[in-house]
PDB file of N, CA and C in Angstrom:
ATOM      1  N   MET A   1       0.851  -1.168   0.000  1.00  0.00           N
ATOM      2  CA  MET A   1       0.000   0.000   0.000  1.00  0.00           C
ATOM      3  C   MET A   1       0.902   1.239   0.000  1.00  0.00           C
ATOM      4  N   ASN A   2       0.707   2.078  -0.952  1.00  0.00           N
ATOM      5  CA  ASN A   2       1.547   3.273  -1.006  1.00  0.00           C
ATOM      6  C   ASN A   2       0.954   4.391  -0.146  1.00  0.00           C
ATOM      7  N   PHE A   3       1.704   5.471  -0.047  1.00  0.00           N
ATOM      8  CA  PHE A   3       1.345   6.558   0.867  1.00  0.00           C
ATOM      9  C   PHE A   3       0.051   7.252   0.444  1.00  0.00           C
ATOM     10  N   LYS A   4      -0.168   7.406  -0.854  1.00  0.00           N
ATOM     11  CA  LYS A   4      -1.372   8.100  -1.317  1.00  0.00           C
ATOM     12  C   LYS A   4      -2.628   7.304  -0.961  1.00  0.00           C
ATOM     13  N   ASN A   5      -2.585   6.001  -1.166  1.00  0.00           N
ATOM     14  CA  ASN A   5      -3.738   5.176  -0.805  1.00  0.00           C
ATOM     15  C   ASN A   5      -3.988   5.204   0.699  1.00  0.00           C
ATOM     16  N   PHE A   6      -2.918   5.209   1.472  1.00  0.00           N
ATOM     17  CA  PHE A   6      -3.058   5.254   2.923  1.00  0.00           C
ATOM     18  C   PHE A   6      -3.683   6.571   3.366  1.00  0.00           C
ATOM     19  N   ARG A   7      -3.246   7.674   2.764  1.00  0.00           N
ATOM     20  CA  ARG A   7      -3.837   8.981   3.085  1.00  0.00           C
ATOM     21  C   ARG A   7      -5.311   9.018   2.712  1.00  0.00           C
ATOM     22  N   GLU A   8      -5.640   8.472   1.553  1.00  0.00           N
ATOM     23  CA  GLU A   8      -7.043   8.433   1.131  1.00  0.00           C
ATOM     24  C   GLU A   8      -7.877   7.567   2.072  1.00  0.00           C
ATOM     25  N   TYR A   9      -7.305   6.474   2.534  1.00  0.00           N
ATOM     26  CA  TYR A   9      -8.009   5.600   3.467  1.00  0.00           C
ATOM     27  C   TYR A   9      -8.256   6.320   4.795  1.00  0.00           C
ATOM     28  N   LEU A  10      -7.243   7.033   5.296  1.00  0.00           N
ATOM     29  CA  LEU A  10      -7.423   7.804   6.530  1.00  0.00           C
ATOM     30  C   LEU A  10      -8.458   8.910   6.346  1.00  0.00           C
ATOM     31  N   ALA A  11      -8.445   9.558   5.185  1.00  0.00           N
ATOM     32  CA  ALA A  11      -9.452  10.591   4.907  1.00  0.00           C
ATOM     33  C   ALA A  11     -10.850   9.975   4.867  1.00  0.00           C
ATOM     34  N   TRP A  12     -10.963   8.785   4.295  1.00  0.00           N
ATOM     35  CA  TRP A  12     -12.250   8.096   4.250  1.00  0.00           C
ATOM     36  C   TRP A  12     -12.719   7.732   5.661  1.00  0.00           C
ATOM     37  N   LEU A  13     -11.794   7.246   6.507  1.00  0.00           N
ATOM     38  CA  LEU A  13     -12.153   6.924   7.888  1.00  0.00           C
ATOM     39  C   LEU A  13     -12.611   8.167   8.652  1.00  0.00           C
ATOM     40  N   TYR A  14     -11.909   9.283   8.443  1.00  0.00           N
ATOM     41  CA  TYR A  14     -12.299  10.526   9.107  1.00  0.00           C
ATOM     42  C   TYR A  14     -13.671  10.979   8.619  1.00  0.00           C
ATOM     43  N   TYR A  15     -13.933  10.836   7.337  1.00  0.00           N
ATOM     44  CA  TYR A  15     -15.241  11.191   6.779  1.00  0.00           C
ATOM     45  C   TYR A  15     -16.339  10.318   7.392  1.00  0.00           C
ATOM     46  N   GLN A  16     -16.069   9.027   7.544  1.00  0.00           N
ATOM     47  CA  GLN A  16     -17.031   8.130   8.177  1.00  0.00           C
ATOM     48  C   GLN A  16     -17.289   8.530   9.628  1.00  0.00           C
ATOM     49  N   TYR A  17     -16.222   8.922  10.324  1.00  0.00           N
ATOM     50  CA  TYR A  17     -16.353   9.391  11.709  1.00  0.00           C
ATOM     51  C   TYR A  17     -17.247  10.627  11.768  1.00  0.00           C
ATOM     52  N   LEU A  18     -17.050  11.553  10.844  1.00  0.00           N
ATOM     53  CA  LEU A  18     -17.881  12.757  10.817  1.00  0.00           C
ATOM     54  C   LEU A  18     -19.347  12.415  10.571  1.00  0.00           C
ATOM     55  N   LEU A  19     -19.593  11.490   9.651  1.00  0.00           N
ATOM     56  CA  LEU A  19     -20.971  11.132   9.322  1.00  0.00           C
ATOM     57  C   LEU A  19     -21.650  10.357  10.444  1.00  0.00           C
ATOM     58  N   ILE A  20     -20.927   9.418  11.043  1.00  0.00           N
ATOM     59  CA  ILE A  20     -21.534   8.579  12.078  1.00  0.00           C
ATOM     60  C   ILE A  20     -21.864   9.391  13.321  1.00  0.00           C
ATOM     61  N   THR A  21     -20.959  10.268  13.723  1.00  0.00           N
ATOM     62  CA  THR A  21     -21.201  11.060  14.928  1.00  0.00           C
ATOM     63  C   THR A  21     -22.089  12.264  14.656  1.00  0.00           C
ATOM     64  N   GLY A  22     -22.228  12.654  13.413  1.00  0.00           N
ATOM     65  CA  GLY A  22     -23.072  13.795  13.077  1.00  0.00           C
ATOM     66  C   GLY A  22     -22.415  15.134  13.320  1.00  0.00           C
ATOM     67  N   ILE A  23     -21.104  15.164  13.491  1.00  0.00           N
ATOM     68  CA  ILE A  23     -20.446  16.439  13.783  1.00  0.00           C
ATOM     69  C   ILE A  23     -20.077  17.208  12.517  1.00  0.00           C
ATOM     70  N   TYR A  24     -20.426  16.667  11.372  1.00  0.00           N
ATOM     71  CA  TYR A  24     -20.145  17.400  10.135  1.00  0.00           C
ATOM     72  C   TYR A  24     -20.992  18.661  10.029  1.00  0.00           C
ATOM     73  N   VAL A  25     -22.060  18.742  10.814  1.00  0.00           N
ATOM     74  CA  VAL A  25     -22.927  19.918  10.769  1.00  0.00           C
ATOM     75  C   VAL A  25     -22.519  20.986  11.777  1.00  0.00           C
ATOM     76  N   LEU A  26     -21.542  20.690  12.616  1.00  0.00           N
ATOM     77  CA  LEU A  26     -21.123  21.639  13.648  1.00  0.00           C
ATOM     78  C   LEU A  26     -20.097  22.620  13.107  1.00  0.00           C
ATOM     79  N   GLU A  27     -19.979  23.724  13.807  1.00  0.00           N
ATOM     80  CA  GLU A  27     -18.939  24.695  13.471  1.00  0.00           C
ATOM     81  C   GLU A  27     -17.602  24.188  14.005  1.00  0.00           C
ATOM     82  N   PRO A  28     -16.490  24.726  13.480  1.00  0.00           N
ATOM     83  CA  PRO A  28     -15.174  24.212  13.895  1.00  0.00           C
ATOM     84  C   PRO A  28     -14.931  24.251  15.401  1.00  0.00           C
ATOM     85  N   TRP A  29     -15.348  25.317  16.083  1.00  0.00           N
ATOM     86  CA  TRP A  29     -15.109  25.373  17.524  1.00  0.00           C
ATOM     87  C   TRP A  29     -15.960  24.352  18.263  1.00  0.00           C
ATOM     88  N   GLU A  30     -17.147  24.046  17.743  1.00  0.00           N
ATOM     89  CA  GLU A  30     -17.983  23.021  18.354  1.00  0.00           C
ATOM     90  C   GLU A  30     -17.395  21.630  18.126  1.00  0.00           C
ATOM     91  N   LYS A  31     -16.831  21.422  16.937  1.00  0.00           N
ATOM     92  CA  LYS A  31     -16.171  20.148  16.650  1.00  0.00           C
ATOM     93  C   LYS A  31     -15.011  19.910  17.601  1.00  0.00           C
ATOM     94  N   SER A  32     -14.220  20.950  17.844  1.00  0.00           N
ATOM     95  CA  SER A  32     -13.058  20.773  18.716  1.00  0.00           C
ATOM     96  C   SER A  32     -13.483  20.469  20.150  1.00  0.00           C
ATOM     97  N   ILE A  33     -14.544  21.108  20.626  1.00  0.00           N
ATOM     98  CA  ILE A  33     -15.039  20.813  21.975  1.00  0.00           C
ATOM     99  C   ILE A  33     -15.569  19.383  22.043  1.00  0.00           C
ATOM    100  N   PHE A  34     -16.345  18.984  21.046  1.00  0.00           N
ATOM    101  CA  PHE A  34     -16.889  17.626  21.015  1.00  0.00           C
ATOM    102  C   PHE A  34     -15.770  16.596  20.980  1.00  0.00           C
ATOM    103  N   ASN A  35     -14.782  16.806  20.094  1.00  0.00           N
ATOM    104  CA  ASN A  35     -13.671  15.862  19.988  1.00  0.00           C
ATOM    105  C   ASN A  35     -12.851  15.816  21.271  1.00  0.00           C
ATOM    106  N   SER A  36     -12.654  16.952  21.911  1.00  0.00           N
ATOM    107  CA  SER A  36     -11.899  16.981  23.169  1.00  0.00           C
ATOM    108  C   SER A  36     -12.602  16.169  24.249  1.00  0.00           C
ATOM    109  N   ILE A  37     -13.899  16.349  24.367  1.00  0.00           N
ATOM    110  CA  ILE A  37     -14.654  15.597  25.371  1.00  0.00           C
ATOM    111  C   ILE A  37     -14.650  14.108  25.045  1.00  0.00           C
ATOM    112  N   LEU A  38     -14.856  13.773  23.783  1.00  0.00           N
ATOM    113  CA  LEU A  38     -14.894  12.370  23.379  1.00  0.00           C
ATOM    114  C   LEU A  38     -13.560  11.680  23.624  1.00  0.00           C
ATOM    115  N   PHE A  39     -12.469  12.294  23.185  1.00  0.00           N
ATOM    116  CA  PHE A  39     -11.168  11.654  23.340  1.00  0.00           C
ATOM    117  C   PHE A  39     -10.713  11.643  24.795  1.00  0.00           C
ATOM    118  N   SER A  40     -11.136  12.622  25.586  1.00  0.00           N
ATOM    119  CA  SER A  40     -10.840  12.583  27.025  1.00  0.00           C
ATOM    120  C   SER A  40     -11.564  11.415  27.689  1.00  0.00           C
ATOM    121  N   ALA A  41     -12.808  11.211  27.327  1.00  0.00           N
ATOM    122  CA  ALA A  41     -13.569  10.095  27.890  1.00  0.00           C
ATOM    123  C   ALA A  41     -12.963   8.759  27.477  1.00  0.00           C
ATOM    124  N   ILE A  42     -12.555   8.639  26.214  1.00  0.00           N
ATOM    125  CA  ILE A  42     -11.927   7.403  25.747  1.00  0.00           C
ATOM    126  C   ILE A  42     -10.612   7.164  26.472  1.00  0.00           C
ATOM    127  N   ALA A  43      -9.822   8.215  26.661  1.00  0.00           N
ATOM    128  CA  ALA A  43      -8.551   8.079  27.378  1.00  0.00           C
ATOM    129  C   ALA A  43      -8.780   7.643  28.820  1.00  0.00           C
ATOM    130  N   MET A  44      -9.804   8.186  29.469  1.00  0.00           N
ATOM    131  CA  MET A  44     -10.093   7.786  30.852  1.00  0.00           C
ATOM    132  C   MET A  44     -10.535   6.328  30.932  1.00  0.00           C
ATOM    133  N   VAL A  45     -11.324   5.878  29.968  1.00  0.00           N
ATOM    134  CA  VAL A  45     -11.758   4.477  29.957  1.00  0.00           C
ATOM    135  C   VAL A  45     -10.565   3.554  29.749  1.00  0.00           C
ATOM    136  N   ILE A  46      -9.674   3.906  28.837  1.00  0.00           N
ATOM    137  CA  ILE A  46      -8.493   3.078  28.582  1.00  0.00           C
ATOM    138  C   ILE A  46      -7.595   3.032  29.812  1.00  0.00           C
ATOM    139  N   TYR A  47      -7.368   4.177  30.438  1.00  0.00           N
ATOM    140  CA  TYR A  47      -6.520   4.216  31.631  1.00  0.00           C
ATOM    141  C   TYR A  47      -7.135   3.407  32.769  1.00  0.00           C
ATOM    142  N   THR A  48      -8.432   3.569  32.985  1.00  0.00           N
ATOM    143  CA  THR A  48      -9.098   2.835  34.048  1.00  0.00           C
ATOM    144  C   THR A  48      -9.049   1.334  33.783  1.00  0.00           C
ATOM    145  N   SER A  49      -9.227   0.940  32.535  1.00  0.00           N
ATOM    146  CA  SER A  49      -9.126  -0.475  32.187  1.00  0.00           C
ATOM    147  C   SER A  49      -7.721  -0.994  32.440  1.00  0.00           C
ATOM    148  N   TYR A  50      -6.725  -0.210  32.100  1.00  0.00           N
ATOM    149  CA  TYR A  50      -5.331  -0.613  32.292  1.00  0.00           C
ATOM    150  C   TYR A  50      -5.008  -0.786  33.772  1.00  0.00           C
ATOM    151  N   VAL A  51      -5.578   0.052  34.613  1.00  0.00           N
ATOM    152  CA  VAL A  51      -5.262   0.011  36.038  1.00  0.00           C
ATOM    153  C   VAL A  51      -6.086  -1.048  36.772  1.00  0.00           C
ATOM    154  N   PHE A  52      -7.387  -1.133  36.516  1.00  0.00           N
ATOM    155  CA  PHE A  52      -8.254  -1.939  37.357  1.00  0.00           C
ATOM    156  C   PHE A  52      -8.596  -3.322  36.814  1.00  0.00           C
ATOM    157  N   VAL A  53      -8.564  -3.544  35.518  1.00  0.00           N
ATOM    158  CA  VAL A  53      -8.930  -4.857  34.981  1.00  0.00           C
ATOM    159  C   VAL A  53      -7.979  -5.949  35.460  1.00  0.00           C
ATOM    160  N   PRO A  54      -6.656  -5.756  35.454  1.00  0.00           N
ATOM    161  CA  PRO A  54      -5.786  -6.827  35.957  1.00  0.00           C
ATOM    162  C   PRO A  54      -6.064  -7.198  37.419  1.00  0.00           C
ATOM    163  N   ILE A  55      -6.397  -6.214  38.237  1.00  0.00           N
ATOM    164  CA  ILE A  55      -6.711  -6.496  39.640  1.00  0.00           C
ATOM    165  C   ILE A  55      -7.960  -7.368  39.731  1.00  0.00           C
ATOM    166  N   HIS A  56      -8.988  -7.030  38.973  1.00  0.00           N
ATOM    167  CA  HIS A  56     -10.229  -7.799  39.030  1.00  0.00           C
ATOM    168  C   HIS A  56     -10.053  -9.193  38.437  1.00  0.00           C
ATOM    169  N   VAL A  57      -9.245  -9.325  37.404  1.00  0.00           N
ATOM    170  CA  VAL A  57      -8.982 -10.651  36.836  1.00  0.00           C
ATOM    171  C   VAL A  57      -8.258 -11.510  37.862  1.00  0.00           C
ATOM    172  N   ARG A  58      -7.269 -10.941  38.546  1.00  0.00           N
ATOM    173  CA  ARG A  58      -6.539 -11.692  39.571  1.00  0.00           C
ATOM    174  C   ARG A  58      -7.479 -12.118  40.693  1.00  0.00           C
ATOM    175  N   LEU A  59      -8.333 -11.219  41.147  1.00  0.00           N
ATOM    176  CA  LEU A  59      -9.280 -11.568  42.207  1.00  0.00           C
ATOM    177  C   LEU A  59     -10.262 -12.648  41.753  1.00  0.00           C
ATOM    178  N   ALA A  60     -10.702 -12.582  40.508  1.00  0.00           N
ATOM    179  CA  ALA A  60     -11.610 -13.608  39.988  1.00  0.00           C
ATOM    180  C   ALA A  60     -10.909 -14.960  39.919  1.00  0.00           C
ATOM    181  N   LEU A  61      -9.644 -14.963  39.482  1.00  0.00           N
ATOM    182  CA  LEU A  61      -8.894 -16.220  39.436  1.00  0.00           C
ATOM    183  C   LEU A  61      -8.664 -16.776  40.835  1.00  0.00           C
ATOM    184  N   GLU A  62      -8.382 -15.912  41.793  1.00  0.00           N
ATOM    185  CA  GLU A  62      -8.236 -16.370  43.176  1.00  0.00           C
ATOM    186  C   GLU A  62      -9.542 -16.953  43.700  1.00  0.00           C
ATOM    187  N   PHE A  63     -10.650 -16.347  43.344  1.00  0.00           N
ATOM    188  CA  PHE A  63     -11.944 -16.845  43.797  1.00  0.00           C
ATOM    189  C   PHE A  63     -12.249 -18.211  43.190  1.00  0.00           C
ATOM    190  N   VAL A  64     -11.927 -18.392  41.912  1.00  0.00           N
ATOM    191  CA  VAL A  64     -12.252 -19.636  41.224  1.00  0.00           C
ATOM    192  C   VAL A  64     -11.273 -20.745  41.586  1.00  0.00           C
ATOM    193  N   PHE A  65      -9.976 -20.459  41.564  1.00  0.00           N
ATOM    194  CA  PHE A  65      -8.964 -21.501  41.717  1.00  0.00           C
ATOM    195  C   PHE A  65      -8.314 -21.537  43.092  1.00  0.00           C
ATOM    196  N   GLY A  66      -8.662 -20.671  43.970  1.00  0.00           N
ATOM    197  CA  GLY A  66      -8.046 -20.647  45.286  1.00  0.00           C
ATOM    198  C   GLY A  66      -6.980 -19.580  45.367  1.00  0.00           C
ATOM    199  N   PHE A  67      -6.306 -19.556  46.492  1.00  0.00           N
ATOM    200  CA  PHE A  67      -5.317 -18.507  46.749  1.00  0.00           C
ATOM    201  C   PHE A  67      -4.036 -18.767  45.973  1.00  0.00           C
ATOM    202  N   PHE A  68      -3.524 -17.732  45.296  1.00  0.00           N
ATOM    203  CA  PHE A  68      -2.220 -17.781  44.655  1.00  0.00           C
ATOM    204  C   PHE A  68      -1.257 -16.968  45.507  1.00  0.00           C
ATOM    205  N   PRO A  69      -0.168 -17.570  45.966  1.00  0.00           N
ATOM    206  CA  PRO A  69       0.779 -16.774  46.748  1.00  0.00           C
ATOM    207  C   PRO A  69       1.416 -15.699  45.882  1.00  0.00           C
ATOM    208  N   PRO A  70       1.727 -14.567  46.475  1.00  0.00           N
ATOM    209  CA  PRO A  70       2.343 -13.499  45.676  1.00  0.00           C
ATOM    210  C   PRO A  70       3.719 -13.923  45.181  1.00  0.00           C
ATOM    211  N   THR A  71       4.026 -13.537  43.977  1.00  0.00           N
ATOM    212  CA  THR A  71       5.334 -13.872  43.426  1.00  0.00           C
ATOM    213  C   THR A  71       6.358 -12.896  43.963  1.00  0.00           C
ATOM    214  N   VAL A  72       7.532 -13.419  44.229  1.00  0.00           N
ATOM    215  CA  VAL A  72       8.614 -12.593  44.754  1.00  0.00           C
ATOM    216  C   VAL A  72       9.530 -12.254  43.598  1.00  0.00           C
ATOM    217  N   CYS A  73       9.713 -10.989  43.380  1.00  0.00           N
ATOM    218  CA  CYS A  73      10.563 -10.526  42.285  1.00  0.00           C
ATOM    219  C   CYS A  73      11.731  -9.759  42.890  1.00  0.00           C
ATOM    220  N   PRO A  74      12.952 -10.302  42.782  1.00  0.00           N
ATOM    221  CA  PRO A  74      14.092  -9.574  43.347  1.00  0.00           C
ATOM    222  C   PRO A  74      14.357  -8.288  42.581  1.00  0.00           C
ATOM    223  N   VAL A  75      14.588  -7.266  43.315  1.00  0.00           N
ATOM    224  CA  VAL A  75      14.821  -5.959  42.700  1.00  0.00           C
ATOM    225  C   VAL A  75      16.288  -5.654  42.676  1.00  0.00           C
TER     226      VAL A  75
END
């Protein structure tokens, strides 16, 4: 895939994003506020998943399979 096709594909994806969310009808300053809120919310969900999902998976495994002793990692 060459660079021109990749750019066209990204432009097509951005166009689809505009159509699906309906922000193509907004003014530029409204688009920037909407995008800022959306990407902030997505970033918070990703961060929260990164921090808390491993803890809950470990607790679920401990509940199902019994207690796992903590691993000792020499520093």
